[in-house]
Amino acid sequence: MGLEDRAAAPVRTESFRETRPQIVGPEVPQKPFPIHLSGVVQRGFGRGGKDLGCPTANLPDESIAPMSSVTDTGVYYGYAQVSREKDGRVVLSEEDGKVLPMVMSLGWNPFYKNERMTAEIHIMHDFKTDFYGHHMKAIVLGYIRPELDYTSREGLIDDIETDKRVALNSLARRAYEDYQKDSFLDLTTTHPRLGTNGYVVRNLSAIRSHQSVHDRAGAWDVAPPKHREPDAEILEHERKRKVEVKCLELQLQLEDEGVDEDKIEEQVGELRTKLLAEAASFTQNAKALKPSDTHGIAAAKKEELSKMARAFGTRSDYHEGDAFDREKQEEQRMRRTAEREERDRQRDEERAKMLAQKEKWEAERKERDRLRRREEDRRRKEKEEEEAASFAIASSSPTHLSLAFATPPSSYVAFAFTTSPQTRFPITLISSGSRQAPIRVALSCAVPSPSLPAVWFCRATVER
């Protein structure tokens, strides 16, 4: 936009000054705020500190594009932070590197008749030195007033001081104070997002050496360098960062194609889930990594050494030089002996438990057999008693009795005829029959009296 394209700024009047509020903006920042700006501080016109007593930091033209495209010219307020480092050296103090309140003028500065739009940020802090060339980040949270033209320098200075008070009052609200801890403002000297590897490096070239080359070489034999362990949190952060970069590329591509927002969100979510799953199971090759990715190289090297150790059968507790340490070897021998004795003791206990269990099982088996045989004998006796017959017959003659009954084949039958349970007479089997016909037996017996009783009691027992 040139001078002929922009509208003239209104002139500041006394009535405008009298009616200015001391707090501006809603209780919570609303769109398009917050707006994030970032860039290297450039040299401006040099009149802010000299003419107005309000030194400002100018951002490059490309850094103010995110703001100039969504807002009008005017005065804004928010927070800013300047990096303490410049060219790898810490220049500013810790106080200078904190997140500080700021006011920013975005526009053409009609009082000085600028020919291009500029973003001039005044950080409300007493810096002891300038910070040209330092990286600066700013987060804009609200709008104070439009850009004005002035008839005198004093009027401009008065409004600048009022802008500072309005900014401080507006930032004192809780919703605005929380932005001091926003993750965007992270210009610390050791933050992992700046690409530092988290390791402390000694600059031996700047330290006077008290050892010769041979002394330092001998020190390696005593304590050789060890593999540096990778930082899991930094590796996880790097993996997620790469995933988010790919998701952002897809989102921008779909937006250029005019895809609906819901579909964009769905496709980006599916891609994020897929990439995170692949990143969790992917093992990076050290040769494919950049030299600056020290933690990724350390992780890949650790995995490579683990594979080699498994291939050679190296124990996980192996330490180089232990084979020549007698005390260490004796300690390991005693530990192995104790472990072997413990294994033998546990094995003997298991064997004794197994033998006791087998003896218990054998005793239970014998008891079951004994009970089974006893039950079989009981059932057999009951069956024999059921097969026995007790009945009464009438005598047909003084000396002979006749009885007819059926009996299983291959059986022997014994009969006893008595006149009472206490009396038993000898009997003689005269004849036998077959299964198909009843057995006819003729019994002869001798009795002590010449006459037989009219009723005899007979009990037949079948024996196999």
Protein backbone atom coordinates (compact mmCIF):
# COMPACT_ATOMS: atom_id res chain seq x y z
CA MET A 1 0.00 0.00 0.00
CA GLY A 2 1.45 3.37 -1.01
CA LEU A 3 0.92 6.90 0.28
CA GLU A 4 -1.72 7.63 -2.32
CA ASP A 5 -3.77 4.53 -1.35
CA ARG A 6 -4.16 5.07 2.40
CA ALA A 7 -6.63 7.39 4.09
CA ALA A 8 -5.41 10.34 6.10
CA ALA A 9 -5.29 9.76 9.86
CA PRO A 10 -7.63 11.87 12.00
CA VAL A 11 -6.05 14.63 14.06
CA ARG A 12 -5.97 14.12 17.80
CA THR A 13 -8.13 16.60 19.73
CA GLU A 14 -8.44 17.57 23.39
CA SER A 15 -11.95 16.10 23.57
CA PHE A 16 -10.57 12.73 22.44
CA ARG A 17 -7.94 12.85 25.15
CA GLU A 18 -10.46 13.68 27.88
CA THR A 19 -12.82 10.83 26.95
CA ARG A 20 -10.20 8.06 26.70
CA PRO A 21 -10.97 4.98 28.91
CA GLN A 22 -8.33 3.62 31.27
CA ILE A 23 -9.14 -0.04 30.47
CA VAL A 24 -9.91 -1.32 26.98
CA GLY A 25 -10.97 -4.64 25.52
CA PRO A 26 -13.31 -7.38 26.79
CA GLU A 27 -12.62 -9.46 29.90
CA VAL A 28 -11.25 -12.26 27.71
CA PRO A 29 -9.30 -11.75 24.45
CA GLN A 30 -11.51 -12.27 21.42
CA LYS A 31 -10.78 -12.83 17.74
CA PRO A 32 -8.58 -11.98 16.01
CA PHE A 33 -6.56 -11.92 19.23
CA PRO A 34 -4.18 -13.29 20.31
CA ILE A 35 -1.90 -12.57 17.35
CA HIS A 36 1.64 -13.97 17.40
CA LEU A 37 4.57 -12.05 15.93
CA SER A 38 8.19 -13.12 15.70
CA GLY A 39 11.35 -11.82 14.08
CA VAL A 40 14.80 -10.30 14.48
CA VAL A 41 14.90 -6.76 15.87
CA GLN A 42 15.95 -4.26 13.18
CA ARG A 43 17.24 -0.72 13.37
CA GLY A 44 14.47 1.82 12.84
CA PHE A 45 14.50 5.58 12.50
CA GLY A 46 16.08 6.09 15.92
CA ARG A 47 13.60 8.81 16.92
CA GLY A 48 11.58 6.85 19.51
CA GLY A 49 14.18 7.12 22.23
CA LYS A 50 15.69 10.47 21.20
CA ASP A 51 12.58 12.51 20.36
CA LEU A 52 9.86 10.78 22.36
CA GLY A 53 11.66 9.14 25.28
CA CYS A 54 10.07 5.85 24.27
CA PRO A 55 12.57 3.49 22.60
CA THR A 56 10.97 0.97 20.25
CA ALA A 57 11.97 -2.28 18.59
CA ASN A 58 11.11 -2.70 14.91
CA LEU A 59 10.18 -6.06 13.40
CA PRO A 60 10.85 -6.96 9.75
CA ASP A 61 8.08 -6.29 7.23
CA GLU A 62 7.43 -10.00 6.69
CA SER A 63 6.97 -10.50 10.45
CA ILE A 64 4.00 -8.12 10.70
CA ALA A 65 2.03 -9.72 7.84
CA PRO A 66 0.01 -12.01 10.21
CA MET A 67 -1.29 -8.90 11.97
CA SER A 68 -1.66 -6.33 9.18
CA SER A 69 -3.80 -8.78 7.23
CA VAL A 70 -6.48 -9.10 9.96
CA THR A 71 -6.42 -5.75 11.80
CA ASP A 72 -6.39 -2.03 11.12
CA THR A 73 -3.64 0.41 11.91
CA GLY A 74 -3.52 1.71 15.46
CA VAL A 75 -2.07 1.10 18.91
CA TYR A 76 -2.21 -2.36 20.53
CA TYR A 77 -1.11 -3.96 23.79
CA GLY A 78 0.20 -7.38 24.85
CA TYR A 79 3.40 -9.11 25.95
CA ALA A 80 6.85 -9.43 24.38
CA GLN A 81 10.09 -11.27 25.05
CA VAL A 82 13.62 -10.71 23.74
CA SER A 83 16.17 -13.49 23.46
CA ARG A 84 19.16 -13.02 25.73
CA GLU A 85 21.49 -14.56 23.17
CA LYS A 86 23.06 -13.06 20.08
CA ASP A 87 25.46 -14.94 17.83
CA GLY A 88 25.66 -17.77 20.38
CA ARG A 89 26.61 -15.48 23.30
CA VAL A 90 24.44 -14.41 26.23
CA VAL A 91 24.28 -10.61 26.09
CA LEU A 92 21.18 -9.57 28.07
CA SER A 93 20.51 -10.19 31.75
CA GLU A 94 17.89 -12.55 33.12
CA GLU A 95 15.56 -9.62 33.84
CA ASP A 96 15.88 -8.44 30.23
CA GLY A 97 14.93 -11.91 28.96
CA LYS A 98 11.64 -12.18 30.86
CA VAL A 99 8.16 -11.86 29.35
CA LEU A 100 7.26 -8.16 29.69
CA PRO A 101 4.23 -5.94 28.91
CA MET A 102 4.38 -3.91 25.72
CA VAL A 103 2.48 -1.43 23.54
CA MET A 104 2.78 -1.56 19.77
CA SER A 105 2.11 0.98 17.05
CA LEU A 106 1.10 -0.53 13.72
CA GLY A 107 0.78 1.91 10.83
CA TRP A 108 2.31 4.78 8.92
CA ASN A 109 3.12 7.13 11.82
CA PRO A 110 1.48 10.19 10.21
CA PHE A 111 3.29 12.63 12.50
CA TYR A 112 6.62 11.63 10.88
CA LYS A 113 5.10 10.92 7.46
CA ASN A 114 6.42 7.36 7.04
CA GLU A 115 6.38 5.98 3.50
CA ARG A 116 5.84 2.35 4.55
CA MET A 117 3.91 0.53 7.26
CA THR A 118 5.94 -0.38 10.34
CA ALA A 119 5.39 -2.25 13.58
CA GLU A 120 7.14 -0.46 16.44
CA ILE A 121 7.06 -2.25 19.82
CA HIS A 122 7.83 -0.47 23.07
CA ILE A 123 8.61 -2.93 25.87
CA MET A 124 7.89 -1.40 29.27
CA HIS A 125 11.23 -2.24 30.82
CA ASP A 126 14.50 -0.37 31.41
CA PHE A 127 17.00 -2.17 29.16
CA LYS A 128 20.64 -1.31 29.95
CA THR A 129 21.73 -1.89 26.36
CA ASP A 130 20.15 -2.12 22.93
CA PHE A 131 19.15 -5.50 21.50
CA TYR A 132 19.42 -5.04 17.73
CA GLY A 133 19.86 -8.42 16.04
CA HIS A 134 18.20 -10.32 18.89
CA HIS A 135 15.24 -12.55 18.23
CA MET A 136 11.99 -11.17 19.64
CA LYS A 137 8.50 -12.63 20.03
CA ALA A 138 5.31 -10.70 20.77
CA ILE A 139 1.76 -11.75 21.47
CA VAL A 140 -0.85 -9.04 20.77
CA LEU A 141 -3.94 -9.27 22.99
CA GLY A 142 -6.01 -6.13 22.37
CA TYR A 143 -6.65 -2.82 20.64
CA ILE A 144 -6.21 0.55 22.38
CA ARG A 145 -6.96 3.29 19.83
CA PRO A 146 -6.72 4.19 16.15
CA GLU A 147 -3.72 5.82 14.51
CA LEU A 148 -3.80 9.63 14.91
CA ASP A 149 -1.98 12.64 13.53
CA TYR A 150 -0.67 15.30 15.89
CA THR A 151 -0.08 19.00 15.67
CA SER A 152 2.73 18.90 18.24
CA ARG A 153 5.29 16.47 19.60
CA GLU A 154 4.02 17.07 23.16
CA GLY A 155 0.56 15.84 22.22
CA LEU A 156 2.08 12.64 20.79
CA ILE A 157 4.15 12.09 23.96
CA ASP A 158 1.09 12.60 26.19
CA ASP A 159 -0.88 10.01 24.26
CA ILE A 160 2.03 7.54 24.39
CA GLU A 161 2.14 7.81 28.19
CA THR A 162 -1.62 7.32 28.32
CA ASP A 163 -1.27 4.28 26.05
CA LYS A 164 1.20 2.75 28.53
CA ARG A 165 -1.16 3.21 31.48
CA VAL A 166 -4.10 1.80 29.54
CA ALA A 167 -2.02 -1.20 28.49
CA LEU A 168 -0.90 -1.95 32.07
CA ASN A 169 -4.45 -1.61 33.41
CA SER A 170 -5.87 -3.83 30.68
CA LEU A 171 -3.19 -6.51 31.15
CA ALA A 172 -3.83 -6.63 34.92
CA ARG A 173 -6.91 -8.80 34.33
CA ARG A 174 -6.58 -12.54 35.04
CA ALA A 175 -7.39 -13.74 31.52
CA TYR A 176 -4.65 -11.48 30.10
CA GLU A 177 -2.06 -12.24 32.78
CA ASP A 178 -2.24 -15.93 31.90
CA TYR A 179 -0.69 -15.17 28.50
CA GLN A 180 2.62 -14.40 30.22
CA LYS A 181 3.02 -18.19 30.49
CA ASP A 182 1.98 -18.89 26.89
CA SER A 183 4.14 -21.58 25.25
CA PHE A 184 4.78 -19.24 22.31
CA LEU A 185 6.94 -17.03 24.52
CA ASP A 186 9.77 -19.48 25.15
CA LEU A 187 12.97 -17.62 24.24
CA THR A 188 15.08 -19.22 26.99
CA THR A 189 18.71 -20.10 26.49
CA THR A 190 18.37 -23.86 27.08
CA HIS A 191 14.85 -24.70 25.92
CA PRO A 192 14.82 -27.91 23.85
CA ARG A 193 12.61 -26.35 21.19
CA LEU A 194 15.48 -24.07 20.16
CA GLY A 195 17.34 -27.14 18.92
CA THR A 196 19.82 -27.50 21.78
CA ASN A 197 20.71 -31.09 22.60
CA GLY A 198 20.66 -30.76 26.39
CA TYR A 199 24.31 -31.87 26.83
CA VAL A 200 27.00 -29.75 28.46
CA VAL A 201 29.92 -29.36 26.07
CA ARG A 202 33.40 -28.43 27.25
CA ASN A 203 35.28 -25.98 25.08
CA LEU A 204 38.78 -27.39 25.58
CA SER A 205 40.29 -24.85 23.20
CA ALA A 206 39.45 -22.07 25.67
CA ILE A 207 40.77 -23.91 28.74
CA ARG A 208 44.42 -24.08 29.60
CA SER A 209 45.45 -27.72 29.54
CA HIS A 210 47.55 -29.11 32.39
CA GLN A 211 47.94 -32.56 30.81
CA SER A 212 50.00 -33.72 27.92
CA VAL A 213 48.60 -35.66 24.98
CA HIS A 214 50.05 -38.91 26.39
CA ASP A 215 48.42 -38.28 29.79
CA ARG A 216 45.03 -37.76 28.20
CA ALA A 217 45.47 -40.86 26.04
CA GLY A 218 46.32 -42.93 29.13
CA ALA A 219 43.21 -41.69 30.87
CA TRP A 220 41.11 -43.40 28.19
CA ASP A 221 42.56 -46.77 29.21
CA VAL A 222 41.48 -46.24 32.82
CA ALA A 223 38.05 -44.79 32.09
CA PRO A 224 37.07 -45.14 28.42
CA PRO A 225 34.25 -42.90 27.20
CA LYS A 226 30.75 -44.32 27.56
CA HIS A 227 27.83 -44.17 25.20
CA ARG A 228 25.62 -41.15 25.93
CA GLU A 229 22.06 -42.04 26.79
CA PRO A 230 19.40 -40.34 24.60
CA ASP A 231 16.76 -38.12 26.18
CA ALA A 232 13.40 -39.87 25.71
CA GLU A 233 11.39 -36.66 26.16
CA ILE A 234 13.32 -34.81 23.45
CA LEU A 235 12.96 -37.76 21.07
CA GLU A 236 9.22 -37.92 21.72
CA HIS A 237 8.92 -34.18 21.15
CA GLU A 238 10.78 -34.45 17.85
CA ARG A 239 8.60 -37.35 16.64
CA LYS A 240 5.40 -35.46 17.47
CA ARG A 241 6.76 -32.30 15.81
CA LYS A 242 7.36 -34.15 12.54
CA VAL A 243 3.86 -35.61 12.71
CA GLU A 244 2.31 -32.18 13.24
CA VAL A 245 4.28 -30.74 10.31
CA LYS A 246 2.84 -33.38 7.96
CA CYS A 247 -0.65 -32.79 9.38
CA LEU A 248 -0.29 -29.04 8.77
CA GLU A 249 0.84 -29.64 5.19
CA LEU A 250 -2.24 -31.79 4.56
CA GLN A 251 -4.51 -29.20 6.18
CA LEU A 252 -3.14 -26.38 4.00
CA GLN A 253 -3.48 -28.54 0.88
CA LEU A 254 -7.11 -29.37 1.65
CA GLU A 255 -7.90 -25.73 2.43
CA ASP A 256 -6.48 -24.70 -0.95
CA GLU A 257 -8.70 -27.32 -2.60
CA GLY A 258 -11.79 -25.89 -0.86
CA VAL A 259 -12.62 -28.97 1.22
CA ASP A 260 -15.18 -28.57 4.02
CA GLU A 261 -13.76 -27.87 7.51
CA ASP A 262 -15.33 -30.99 9.06
CA LYS A 263 -13.79 -33.22 6.39
CA ILE A 264 -10.44 -31.47 6.79
CA GLU A 265 -10.49 -32.10 10.53
CA GLU A 266 -11.47 -35.75 9.98
CA GLN A 267 -8.74 -36.43 7.40
CA VAL A 268 -6.08 -34.62 9.44
CA GLY A 269 -7.09 -36.63 12.54
CA GLU A 270 -6.83 -39.92 10.64
CA LEU A 271 -3.40 -38.95 9.31
CA ARG A 272 -2.21 -37.95 12.80
CA THR A 273 -3.36 -41.28 14.30
CA LYS A 274 -1.66 -43.22 11.50
CA LEU A 275 1.64 -41.31 11.73
CA LEU A 276 1.79 -41.57 15.53
CA ALA A 277 1.29 -45.35 15.32
CA GLU A 278 4.02 -45.64 12.68
CA ALA A 279 6.39 -43.41 14.67
CA ALA A 280 5.95 -45.56 17.79
CA SER A 281 7.08 -48.73 15.98
CA PHE A 282 9.68 -47.18 13.65
CA THR A 283 13.39 -47.55 14.39
CA GLN A 284 15.47 -44.81 12.79
CA ASN A 285 18.79 -45.63 11.12
CA ALA A 286 21.64 -43.47 12.41
CA LYS A 287 22.98 -42.92 8.88
CA ALA A 288 19.72 -41.27 7.80
CA LEU A 289 19.79 -38.69 10.62
CA LYS A 290 21.24 -35.20 10.55
CA PRO A 291 24.45 -34.59 12.53
CA SER A 292 22.57 -32.08 14.70
CA ASP A 293 20.06 -34.74 15.82
CA THR A 294 22.37 -35.97 18.58
CA HIS A 295 19.66 -37.69 20.62
CA GLY A 296 18.27 -39.53 17.59
CA ILE A 297 21.77 -40.72 16.69
CA ALA A 298 22.34 -41.81 20.30
CA ALA A 299 19.08 -43.81 20.32
CA ALA A 300 19.87 -45.49 16.99
CA LYS A 301 23.42 -46.29 18.17
CA LYS A 302 22.07 -47.78 21.39
CA GLU A 303 19.73 -50.07 19.45
CA GLU A 304 22.58 -51.08 17.13
CA LEU A 305 24.84 -51.96 20.08
CA SER A 306 22.04 -53.99 21.67
CA LYS A 307 21.60 -56.05 18.49
CA MET A 308 25.34 -56.67 18.29
CA ALA A 309 25.47 -57.74 21.95
CA ARG A 310 22.64 -60.23 21.41
CA ALA A 311 24.36 -61.59 18.29
CA PHE A 312 27.63 -62.21 20.18
CA GLY A 313 25.89 -63.49 23.30
CA THR A 314 27.25 -60.68 25.47
CA ARG A 315 25.62 -60.42 28.86
CA SER A 316 23.60 -57.30 29.60
CA ASP A 317 25.66 -56.67 32.76
CA TYR A 318 29.00 -56.85 30.94
CA HIS A 319 31.48 -54.05 31.65
CA GLU A 320 34.70 -53.61 29.77
CA GLY A 321 37.79 -54.46 31.86
CA ASP A 322 35.99 -56.60 34.46
CA ALA A 323 37.88 -59.71 33.29
CA PHE A 324 41.15 -58.27 34.66
CA ASP A 325 39.71 -57.12 37.99
CA ARG A 326 40.43 -59.91 40.50
CA GLU A 327 38.17 -58.53 43.20
CA LYS A 328 35.35 -58.15 40.70
CA GLN A 329 35.87 -61.68 39.39
CA GLU A 330 35.92 -63.14 42.93
CA GLU A 331 32.74 -61.26 43.77
CA GLN A 332 31.05 -62.57 40.63
CA ARG A 333 32.25 -66.13 41.38
CA MET A 334 30.81 -66.01 44.89
CA ARG A 335 27.55 -64.61 43.56
CA ARG A 336 27.32 -67.37 40.94
CA THR A 337 28.05 -70.02 43.61
CA ALA A 338 25.33 -68.64 45.86
CA GLU A 339 22.88 -68.55 42.95
CA ARG A 340 23.75 -72.17 42.03
CA GLU A 341 23.28 -73.35 45.63
CA GLU A 342 19.95 -71.57 45.79
CA ARG A 343 18.84 -73.26 42.56
CA ASP A 344 19.91 -76.68 43.91
CA ARG A 345 18.02 -76.09 47.16
CA GLN A 346 14.88 -75.11 45.31
CA ARG A 347 15.22 -78.17 43.05
CA ASP A 348 15.59 -80.51 46.08
CA GLU A 349 12.55 -78.95 47.70
CA GLU A 350 10.52 -79.46 44.54
CA ARG A 351 11.70 -83.09 44.31
CA ALA A 352 10.77 -83.79 47.97
CA LYS A 353 7.35 -82.23 47.43
CA MET A 354 6.81 -84.42 44.37
CA LEU A 355 7.80 -87.63 46.21
CA ALA A 356 5.48 -86.79 49.11
CA GLN A 357 2.69 -86.16 46.66
CA LYS A 358 3.30 -89.50 44.93
CA GLU A 359 3.23 -91.34 48.28
CA LYS A 360 -0.03 -89.63 49.13
CA TRP A 361 -1.51 -90.61 45.77
CA GLU A 362 -0.38 -94.28 46.27
CA ALA A 363 -1.92 -94.44 49.76
CA GLU A 364 -5.16 -93.03 48.44
CA ARG A 365 -5.18 -95.59 45.62
CA LYS A 366 -4.66 -98.51 48.03
CA GLU A 367 -7.41 -97.23 50.30
CA ARG A 368 -9.77 -96.98 47.33
CA ASP A 369 -8.93 -100.58 46.31
CA ARG A 370 -9.53 -101.85 49.85
CA LEU A 371 -12.89 -100.12 50.06
CA ARG A 372 -13.80 -101.41 46.63
CA ARG A 373 -13.01 -105.03 47.56
CA ARG A 374 -14.91 -104.74 50.82
CA GLU A 375 -17.90 -103.36 48.95
CA GLU A 376 -17.71 -106.21 46.43
CA ASP A 377 -17.66 -108.79 49.25
CA ARG A 378 -20.62 -107.16 50.91
CA ARG A 379 -22.60 -107.14 47.69
CA ARG A 380 -21.70 -110.79 46.99
CA LYS A 381 -22.86 -111.92 50.43
CA GLU A 382 -26.08 -110.00 50.08
CA LYS A 383 -26.68 -111.65 46.75
CA GLU A 384 -26.05 -115.14 48.21
CA GLU A 385 -28.43 -114.46 51.04
CA GLU A 386 -31.07 -113.33 48.58
CA GLU A 387 -30.64 -116.54 46.59
CA ALA A 388 -31.06 -118.70 49.73
CA ALA A 389 -34.64 -120.02 50.30
CA SER A 390 -36.32 -120.64 53.57
CA PHE A 391 -39.67 -122.45 53.52
CA ALA A 392 -41.77 -125.10 55.29
CA ILE A 393 -42.93 -128.44 53.85
CA ALA A 394 -45.32 -131.14 55.07
CA SER A 395 -44.06 -134.62 55.72
CA SER A 396 -45.38 -137.29 53.38
CA SER A 397 -43.96 -140.27 55.17
CA PRO A 398 -42.35 -141.00 58.44
CA THR A 399 -38.87 -141.22 56.97
CA HIS A 400 -38.85 -139.57 53.59
CA LEU A 401 -39.54 -136.08 52.29
CA SER A 402 -39.94 -134.91 48.70
CA LEU A 403 -39.00 -131.36 47.51
CA ALA A 404 -39.14 -129.75 44.08
CA PHE A 405 -37.29 -126.45 43.17
CA ALA A 406 -35.21 -124.81 40.42
CA THR A 407 -31.51 -123.91 40.69
CA PRO A 408 -28.91 -122.40 38.33
CA PRO A 409 -26.70 -124.82 36.43
CA SER A 410 -23.34 -125.96 37.80
CA SER A 411 -24.53 -125.45 41.33
CA TYR A 412 -24.43 -127.53 44.43
CA VAL A 413 -27.31 -127.52 46.80
CA ALA A 414 -27.23 -128.49 50.42
CA PHE A 415 -30.39 -128.95 52.45
CA ALA A 416 -30.99 -129.00 56.10
CA PHE A 417 -34.32 -130.01 57.64
CA THR A 418 -34.92 -129.19 61.19
CA THR A 419 -37.84 -129.16 63.53
CA SER A 420 -36.37 -126.14 65.21
CA PRO A 421 -33.50 -123.72 64.58
CA GLN A 422 -31.44 -125.49 67.25
CA THR A 423 -31.86 -128.97 65.75
CA ARG A 424 -30.03 -130.08 62.65
CA PHE A 425 -30.30 -133.52 61.01
CA PRO A 426 -27.98 -135.12 58.53
CA ILE A 427 -29.44 -135.36 55.02
CA THR A 428 -28.57 -137.28 51.89
CA LEU A 429 -29.01 -136.04 48.30
CA ILE A 430 -30.75 -138.82 46.35
CA SER A 431 -31.09 -137.27 42.87
CA SER A 432 -30.63 -134.00 40.92
CA GLY A 433 -32.19 -132.40 37.84
CA SER A 434 -31.44 -129.82 35.13
CA ARG A 435 -32.24 -126.10 34.70
CA GLN A 436 -35.08 -126.89 32.30
CA ALA A 437 -36.96 -128.95 34.87
CA PRO A 438 -37.24 -128.58 38.60
CA ILE A 439 -34.80 -130.61 40.66
CA ARG A 440 -36.42 -133.53 42.40
CA VAL A 441 -34.63 -134.64 45.47
CA ALA A 442 -35.45 -137.45 47.78
CA LEU A 443 -34.22 -136.84 51.27
CA SER A 444 -33.63 -139.46 53.88
CA CYS A 445 -32.82 -138.52 57.38
CA ALA A 446 -32.41 -140.15 60.70
CA VAL A 447 -34.26 -138.75 63.61
CA PRO A 448 -33.94 -139.66 67.25
CA SER A 449 -37.68 -140.40 67.60
CA PRO A 450 -39.67 -143.03 65.69
CA SER A 451 -42.15 -140.48 64.39
CA LEU A 452 -41.32 -137.36 62.29
CA PRO A 453 -42.97 -134.03 62.96
CA ALA A 454 -45.74 -132.97 60.64
CA VAL A 455 -43.89 -129.79 59.57
CA TRP A 456 -40.24 -129.57 58.61
CA PHE A 457 -38.19 -126.40 58.22
CA CYS A 458 -35.88 -126.39 55.24
CA ARG A 459 -33.05 -124.00 54.28
CA ALA A 460 -31.35 -124.39 50.95
CA THR A 461 -27.94 -122.83 50.29
CA VAL A 462 -26.57 -122.53 46.77
CA GLU A 463 -22.78 -122.80 46.48
CA ARG A 464 -20.88 -122.08 43.27
